[in-house]
Amino acid sequence: MKIALLYSLVLASVFVVEAGDFCALNAEKRSSTLHCLGEKLAPEVKGKLLALNQEGSPIGEFVKKHCDKGTDYVEVLKKNLSAQELASLKKAYEECTA
């Protein structure tokens, strides 16, 4: 379950930064940011993000695969989160990376 949450938070965190910037983060910074997001996001938002987990692959593999593919995370999140939820995600991300 914890890996599934982190998996989904990868998608979410990329919404608030350029995919290239997120993919350029070192593994330690990515991991700490995702853990922080897991603590800050509302349960409703986390639930919606968990629902995006279709593959169930380990977080490291998921990040590498989707960074390499150039997945359009913004479109994925716009389809699944409200404007208010996206704003809360952005705020949490900014706090986690400050």
Protein backbone atom coordinates (compact mmCIF):
# COMPACT_ATOMS: atom_id res chain seq x y z
CA MET A 1 0.00 0.00 0.00
CA LYS A 2 2.82 2.39 0.88
CA ILE A 3 4.52 1.75 -2.45
CA ALA A 4 1.22 2.29 -4.25
CA LEU A 5 0.86 5.67 -2.58
CA LEU A 6 4.39 6.67 -3.51
CA TYR A 7 3.78 5.44 -7.04
CA SER A 8 0.75 7.68 -7.38
CA LEU A 9 2.49 10.61 -5.75
CA VAL A 10 5.07 10.51 -8.51
CA LEU A 11 2.32 11.35 -10.95
CA ALA A 12 1.05 14.09 -8.71
CA SER A 13 4.36 15.70 -8.00
CA VAL A 14 5.22 15.98 -11.65
CA PHE A 15 2.12 18.12 -12.18
CA VAL A 16 3.65 20.98 -10.26
CA VAL A 17 7.05 20.94 -11.95
CA GLU A 18 8.21 20.31 -15.46
CA ALA A 19 8.61 16.59 -16.07
CA GLY A 20 12.26 17.13 -16.94
CA ASP A 21 12.90 18.91 -13.65
CA PHE A 22 11.27 16.13 -11.66
CA CYS A 23 13.09 13.43 -13.59
CA ALA A 24 16.38 15.27 -13.02
CA LEU A 25 16.01 15.10 -9.22
CA ASN A 26 18.33 12.63 -7.57
CA ALA A 27 16.73 9.52 -6.09
CA GLU A 28 17.10 10.74 -2.49
CA LYS A 29 15.40 14.09 -3.18
CA ARG A 30 12.59 12.41 -5.13
CA SER A 31 12.02 9.96 -2.30
CA SER A 32 11.97 12.60 0.45
CA THR A 33 9.62 14.80 -1.58
CA LEU A 34 7.21 11.93 -2.17
CA HIS A 35 7.20 10.97 1.51
CA CYS A 36 6.49 14.58 2.45
CA LEU A 37 3.61 14.77 -0.04
CA GLY A 38 2.17 11.61 1.46
CA GLU A 39 2.04 13.32 4.83
CA LYS A 40 0.62 16.64 3.60
CA LEU A 41 -2.07 15.68 1.10
CA ALA A 42 -5.69 15.26 2.18
CA PRO A 43 -7.01 11.67 2.27
CA GLU A 44 -9.44 12.40 -0.59
CA VAL A 45 -6.61 13.54 -2.86
CA LYS A 46 -4.43 10.58 -1.88
CA GLY A 47 -7.34 8.25 -2.66
CA LYS A 48 -7.73 9.67 -6.15
CA LEU A 49 -4.00 9.38 -6.72
CA LEU A 50 -3.97 5.78 -5.49
CA ALA A 51 -6.69 4.98 -8.02
CA LEU A 52 -4.22 5.90 -10.78
CA ASN A 53 -1.96 3.00 -9.83
CA GLN A 54 -2.67 0.52 -12.60
CA GLU A 55 0.72 -1.19 -12.88
CA GLY A 56 1.75 -1.72 -9.27
CA SER A 57 5.41 -1.61 -10.26
CA PRO A 58 8.10 -0.58 -7.75
CA ILE A 59 8.49 3.18 -7.42
CA GLY A 60 12.00 3.36 -8.86
CA GLU A 61 11.04 1.42 -11.97
CA PHE A 62 7.88 3.46 -12.39
CA VAL A 63 9.70 6.80 -12.22
CA LYS A 64 12.39 5.71 -14.67
CA LYS A 65 9.90 4.21 -17.10
CA HIS A 66 7.61 7.23 -17.19
CA CYS A 67 10.43 9.77 -17.23
CA ASP A 68 11.92 7.91 -20.19
CA LYS A 69 8.53 7.80 -21.94
CA GLY A 70 7.81 11.49 -21.38
CA THR A 71 4.37 10.79 -19.90
CA ASP A 72 2.07 13.85 -19.90
CA TYR A 73 1.31 13.90 -16.18
CA VAL A 74 -0.45 17.25 -16.36
CA GLU A 75 -3.20 15.81 -18.56
CA VAL A 76 -3.55 12.72 -16.38
CA LEU A 77 -4.00 14.83 -13.26
CA LYS A 78 -6.31 17.38 -14.86
CA LYS A 79 -8.63 14.51 -15.77
CA ASN A 80 -8.63 13.07 -12.25
CA LEU A 81 -8.36 16.02 -9.83
CA SER A 82 -10.44 19.15 -9.35
CA ALA A 83 -8.90 22.61 -9.59
CA GLN A 84 -8.98 22.85 -5.79
CA GLU A 85 -7.22 19.49 -5.42
CA LEU A 86 -4.58 20.51 -7.96
CA ALA A 87 -4.00 23.73 -6.01
CA SER A 88 -3.58 21.79 -2.76
CA LEU A 89 -1.14 19.47 -4.50
CA LYS A 90 0.90 22.39 -5.76
CA LYS A 91 0.96 23.99 -2.30
CA ALA A 92 2.07 20.73 -0.67
CA TYR A 93 4.78 20.24 -3.28
CA GLU A 94 6.12 23.75 -2.73
CA GLU A 95 6.24 23.14 1.03
CA CYS A 96 7.97 19.80 0.55
CA THR A 97 10.66 21.21 -1.70
CA ALA A 98 11.27 24.48 0.16
